[in-house]
Protein backbone atom coordinates (compact mmCIF):
# COMPACT_ATOMS: atom_id res chain seq x y z
CA MET A 1 -143.20 -24.07 -42.89
CA SER A 2 -143.14 -27.68 -43.88
CA GLN A 3 -145.59 -30.02 -42.14
CA GLN A 4 -144.19 -33.24 -43.68
CA LYS A 5 -144.19 -36.17 -41.21
CA SER A 6 -140.59 -36.75 -42.13
CA ASP A 7 -139.65 -33.44 -40.47
CA TYR A 8 -140.65 -34.70 -37.04
CA VAL A 9 -140.63 -38.54 -36.97
CA ASP A 10 -137.06 -38.76 -35.86
CA ASP A 11 -137.86 -36.58 -32.80
CA ALA A 12 -141.00 -38.45 -31.81
CA ASP A 13 -141.02 -41.63 -29.95
CA ILE A 14 -143.91 -43.62 -31.66
CA ASP A 15 -145.10 -47.15 -31.75
CA ALA A 16 -144.06 -48.12 -35.20
CA ASP A 17 -146.15 -51.22 -35.22
CA LEU A 18 -149.21 -48.99 -35.50
CA ASP A 19 -147.92 -47.16 -38.36
CA GLN A 20 -147.45 -49.96 -40.98
CA LEU A 21 -148.94 -50.50 -44.41
CA PRO A 22 -151.57 -53.20 -44.27
CA ASP A 23 -151.99 -55.98 -46.81
CA ASP A 24 -154.69 -55.89 -49.60
CA GLU A 25 -156.98 -58.22 -47.58
CA THR A 26 -156.92 -55.87 -44.49
CA VAL A 27 -157.63 -52.89 -46.67
CA GLU A 28 -160.64 -54.60 -48.37
CA ALA A 29 -162.10 -55.79 -45.03
CA THR A 30 -161.69 -52.19 -43.64
CA VAL A 31 -163.51 -50.72 -46.77
CA GLU A 32 -166.31 -53.15 -46.30
CA ASN A 33 -166.73 -52.28 -42.66
CA LEU A 34 -166.53 -48.59 -43.28
CA GLU A 35 -169.26 -48.76 -45.91
CA ALA A 36 -171.24 -50.84 -43.51
CA SER A 37 -170.94 -48.06 -41.08
CA GLY A 38 -172.41 -45.55 -43.54
CA PHE A 39 -169.21 -44.05 -44.97
CA ASP A 40 -168.49 -43.75 -48.74
CA VAL A 41 -164.96 -45.03 -49.45
CA VAL A 42 -162.70 -44.23 -52.39
CA VAL A 43 -159.43 -46.19 -52.56
CA VAL A 44 -156.56 -44.78 -54.70
CA ASP A 45 -152.94 -45.72 -55.22
CA THR A 46 -150.95 -42.41 -54.92
CA ALA A 47 -151.20 -39.03 -53.31
CA ASP A 48 -151.75 -37.54 -56.96
CA GLU A 49 -154.73 -39.77 -57.49
CA ALA A 50 -156.01 -38.72 -54.13
CA LEU A 51 -155.98 -35.03 -55.09
CA GLU A 52 -157.70 -35.94 -58.41
CA ALA A 53 -160.43 -37.76 -56.45
CA VAL A 54 -161.03 -34.85 -54.06
CA GLN A 55 -161.10 -32.40 -56.91
CA SER A 56 -163.68 -34.40 -58.87
CA HIS A 57 -165.73 -34.87 -55.68
CA ILE A 58 -166.33 -31.31 -54.83
CA PRO A 59 -168.81 -29.40 -57.19
CA ALA A 60 -168.27 -25.82 -58.40
CA GLY A 61 -169.78 -23.02 -56.44
CA VAL A 62 -169.60 -24.48 -52.86
CA SER A 63 -167.86 -23.29 -49.76
CA VAL A 64 -164.84 -25.34 -48.78
CA MET A 65 -162.90 -25.40 -45.48
CA ASN A 66 -160.26 -27.62 -44.28
CA GLY A 67 -158.78 -28.67 -40.84
CA HIS A 68 -155.20 -28.93 -40.36
CA SER A 69 -153.91 -32.25 -41.93
CA THR A 70 -150.52 -33.24 -42.88
CA THR A 71 -152.05 -35.77 -45.32
CA LEU A 72 -153.88 -32.83 -47.13
CA GLU A 73 -150.65 -31.01 -47.29
CA GLU A 74 -148.83 -34.09 -48.62
CA ILE A 75 -151.38 -34.62 -51.38
CA GLY A 76 -151.22 -30.97 -52.46
CA PHE A 77 -154.81 -29.97 -51.50
CA ASP A 78 -153.98 -27.01 -49.34
CA ASP A 79 -151.94 -25.37 -52.02
CA TYR A 80 -154.63 -26.21 -54.54
CA LEU A 81 -157.35 -24.79 -52.30
CA SER A 82 -155.46 -21.46 -51.88
CA GLU A 83 -153.92 -21.12 -55.37
CA GLY A 84 -155.54 -23.57 -57.74
CA ASP A 85 -157.84 -23.23 -60.53
CA HIS A 86 -161.22 -24.09 -59.17
CA GLU A 87 -164.54 -22.50 -58.66
CA TRP A 88 -164.94 -23.05 -54.99
CA GLU A 89 -165.34 -20.51 -52.17
CA SER A 90 -162.05 -20.90 -50.12
CA LEU A 91 -162.95 -20.20 -46.65
CA PRO A 92 -159.48 -20.45 -45.25
CA ASP A 93 -158.32 -17.54 -47.47
CA GLN A 94 -161.14 -15.37 -46.14
CA ILE A 95 -160.47 -16.41 -42.51
CA TRP A 96 -156.76 -15.79 -42.45
CA GLY A 97 -157.31 -12.44 -44.17
CA ILE A 98 -159.09 -11.09 -41.09
CA ASP A 99 -156.86 -9.04 -38.70
CA ASP A 100 -159.16 -8.80 -35.68
CA ASP A 101 -158.67 -11.88 -33.47
CA ALA A 102 -162.28 -12.07 -32.28
CA GLU A 103 -163.63 -11.70 -35.76
CA ARG A 104 -161.24 -14.46 -37.12
CA GLN A 105 -162.17 -16.80 -34.31
CA ALA A 106 -165.83 -16.24 -35.13
CA ALA A 107 -165.27 -16.92 -38.78
CA ARG A 108 -163.48 -20.11 -37.88
CA ARG A 109 -166.49 -21.20 -35.87
CA ASP A 110 -168.77 -20.29 -38.86
CA SER A 111 -166.61 -22.33 -41.20
CA GLN A 112 -167.45 -25.52 -39.45
CA THR A 113 -170.78 -25.43 -41.43
CA ALA A 114 -169.02 -25.20 -44.82
CA ASP A 115 -170.67 -27.05 -47.64
CA TYR A 116 -167.50 -29.24 -47.84
CA PHE A 117 -165.11 -29.75 -44.87
CA LEU A 118 -161.94 -31.58 -45.45
CA GLY A 119 -159.52 -33.14 -43.02
CA GLY A 120 -157.50 -36.14 -41.86
CA ILE A 121 -158.02 -38.76 -39.38
CA ASN A 122 -155.73 -40.22 -36.67
CA ALA A 123 -156.68 -43.87 -36.82
CA ILE A 124 -159.03 -46.18 -38.73
CA ALA A 125 -160.23 -49.36 -37.01
CA GLN A 126 -160.56 -52.30 -39.43
CA THR A 127 -163.96 -52.86 -37.76
CA GLY A 128 -165.12 -49.58 -39.23
CA GLU A 129 -164.67 -46.76 -36.77
CA LEU A 130 -162.68 -43.48 -37.19
CA VAL A 131 -160.67 -41.75 -34.34
CA ALA A 132 -159.49 -38.37 -34.31
CA ALA A 133 -158.52 -35.66 -31.74
CA ASP A 134 -157.70 -31.94 -31.57
CA LEU A 135 -156.41 -29.47 -29.05
CA SER A 136 -159.01 -26.78 -30.09
CA GLY A 137 -161.59 -28.96 -31.88
CA SER A 138 -161.36 -26.78 -34.94
CA ARG A 139 -161.10 -29.92 -37.11
CA ILE A 140 -163.10 -32.54 -35.58
CA GLY A 141 -166.03 -30.19 -34.61
CA ALA A 142 -167.25 -30.29 -38.29
CA TYR A 143 -167.06 -34.10 -38.62
CA PRO A 144 -170.15 -35.34 -36.64
CA PHE A 145 -172.85 -32.80 -37.80
CA ALA A 146 -171.85 -29.11 -38.57
CA ALA A 147 -170.54 -29.41 -42.08
CA SER A 148 -172.87 -30.42 -44.95
CA ASN A 149 -170.38 -32.75 -46.43
CA VAL A 150 -167.20 -34.19 -45.02
CA VAL A 151 -164.23 -35.61 -46.98
CA ILE A 152 -161.66 -37.41 -44.83
CA VAL A 153 -158.25 -38.21 -46.57
CA SER A 154 -155.92 -40.96 -44.97
CA GLY A 155 -152.95 -43.12 -45.91
CA ILE A 156 -153.69 -46.65 -45.20
CA ASN A 157 -150.92 -46.77 -42.51
CA LYS A 158 -153.58 -45.48 -40.18
CA ILE A 159 -155.62 -48.82 -40.40
CA VAL A 160 -155.32 -50.84 -37.27
CA PRO A 161 -157.22 -54.11 -36.19
CA THR A 162 -159.59 -52.73 -33.54
CA LEU A 163 -161.05 -49.64 -31.97
CA ASP A 164 -158.88 -50.15 -28.97
CA ASP A 165 -155.83 -50.19 -31.25
CA ALA A 166 -157.12 -47.08 -32.95
CA LEU A 167 -157.25 -45.24 -29.60
CA ASP A 168 -153.72 -46.55 -28.81
CA ARG A 169 -152.68 -45.26 -32.13
CA LEU A 170 -153.88 -41.76 -31.36
CA GLU A 171 -151.93 -41.74 -28.11
CA SER A 172 -148.70 -43.47 -29.34
CA VAL A 173 -148.29 -42.40 -32.85
CA ALA A 174 -150.47 -39.33 -33.75
CA TYR A 175 -149.94 -37.36 -30.50
CA PRO A 176 -146.12 -37.74 -30.34
CA LEU A 177 -145.83 -36.57 -34.01
CA GLU A 178 -148.34 -33.79 -33.60
CA ASN A 179 -146.66 -32.63 -30.44
CA GLU A 180 -143.28 -32.37 -32.24
CA ARG A 181 -144.96 -30.40 -35.14
CA ALA A 182 -146.66 -28.07 -32.80
CA LYS A 183 -143.43 -27.26 -30.89
CA GLU A 184 -141.75 -26.49 -34.14
CA ALA A 185 -144.63 -24.48 -35.45
CA TYR A 186 -145.93 -22.72 -32.52
CA GLY A 187 -143.37 -22.99 -29.84
CA ALA A 188 -145.86 -24.88 -27.61
CA GLU A 189 -146.87 -28.45 -26.85
CA SER A 190 -150.11 -29.97 -28.14
CA MET A 191 -152.47 -32.08 -26.21
CA ILE A 192 -155.41 -34.50 -26.85
CA ALA A 193 -157.91 -32.18 -25.56
CA LYS A 194 -161.09 -33.06 -27.69
CA GLN A 195 -161.57 -36.55 -29.00
CA LEU A 196 -163.96 -38.08 -31.52
CA ILE A 197 -164.97 -41.68 -32.20
CA PHE A 198 -166.85 -41.71 -35.55
CA ARG A 199 -168.71 -44.91 -35.28
CA GLN A 200 -171.44 -44.41 -37.82
CA GLU A 201 -172.55 -42.01 -40.45
CA VAL A 202 -176.28 -41.83 -40.44
CA GLU A 203 -176.66 -39.40 -43.39
CA GLU A 204 -176.32 -41.27 -46.54
CA GLY A 205 -173.46 -39.69 -48.89
CA ARG A 206 -172.45 -37.11 -46.27
CA THR A 207 -169.04 -38.51 -45.31
CA THR A 208 -166.51 -39.87 -47.75
CA VAL A 209 -163.32 -41.42 -46.88
CA VAL A 210 -160.43 -41.30 -49.52
CA LEU A 211 -157.92 -44.17 -48.58
CA ILE A 212 -154.49 -43.81 -50.25
CA ARG A 213 -152.22 -46.89 -50.64
CA GLU A 214 -149.20 -44.93 -49.22
CA GLN A 215 -147.82 -44.07 -45.86
CA LEU A 216 -149.10 -40.57 -45.29
CA GLY A 217 -149.89 -38.33 -42.45
CA TYR A 218 -150.05 -39.29 -38.84
C-alpha cells in the first residue's frame, strides 16, 4: 500500500505554515546548529541524491534496520533495502519472515541495536534539535543509544524556527497525517505515545542527518 504523503494530506487538517520549504539562509543556519549539536549533516537537492548519499554512507557487511518513514519510502530506500543490489544484512526481511508473533516482536526489539538504523524525523528546529514520536517506540527507540549508527532522512519542509515550533509541528502536521495513514493501513488511529527530543549527539560520527531540498514526508 502506498504511503505517499499525497495519499492522506487532503484528509488531514494540518497547519500548513509549519510545512513550508525554508529559504537557503534558514537551511544553512539549521545545518550549522545541527552540527554544533553533534550531528553530521549532508544536504542534497533531490530524493535520488538522498538515496545515493545513504547508499554510499553505509558500508558492506553491516546489519541495517529501518523504522517506518514515508520519507525513506519516497526516496526509494525501503525497496532498495529489500530488493536492491547491496551487501548489507537486511533485518526487516528477516523480521517479517517470522511467523510467530512473540518471536517477531523479540526480533524487532533486537533490531534496535542494528549497526545502522535509518528513519525519518517529525520536526527539525532551526536551533539544532530533532523531534520525533511513535505509538510503539519501534523507530525512536534506536535513536538515542541502541543503534551503533543512525541515519535520519528528512525533507527541509520539516525545519521550523524553534523547539516549541517543532513540538507544535509534531502535533499539528505530523500526527494528523500519520493518523490518516494509520487508519488507512491498519484500520485504527495512531497516537503520540512516545516522544523524543534529540538535543545533542554526544558520540562523534554516530548520527547523520540527510537533508533534502524537497517537500517530503511528514
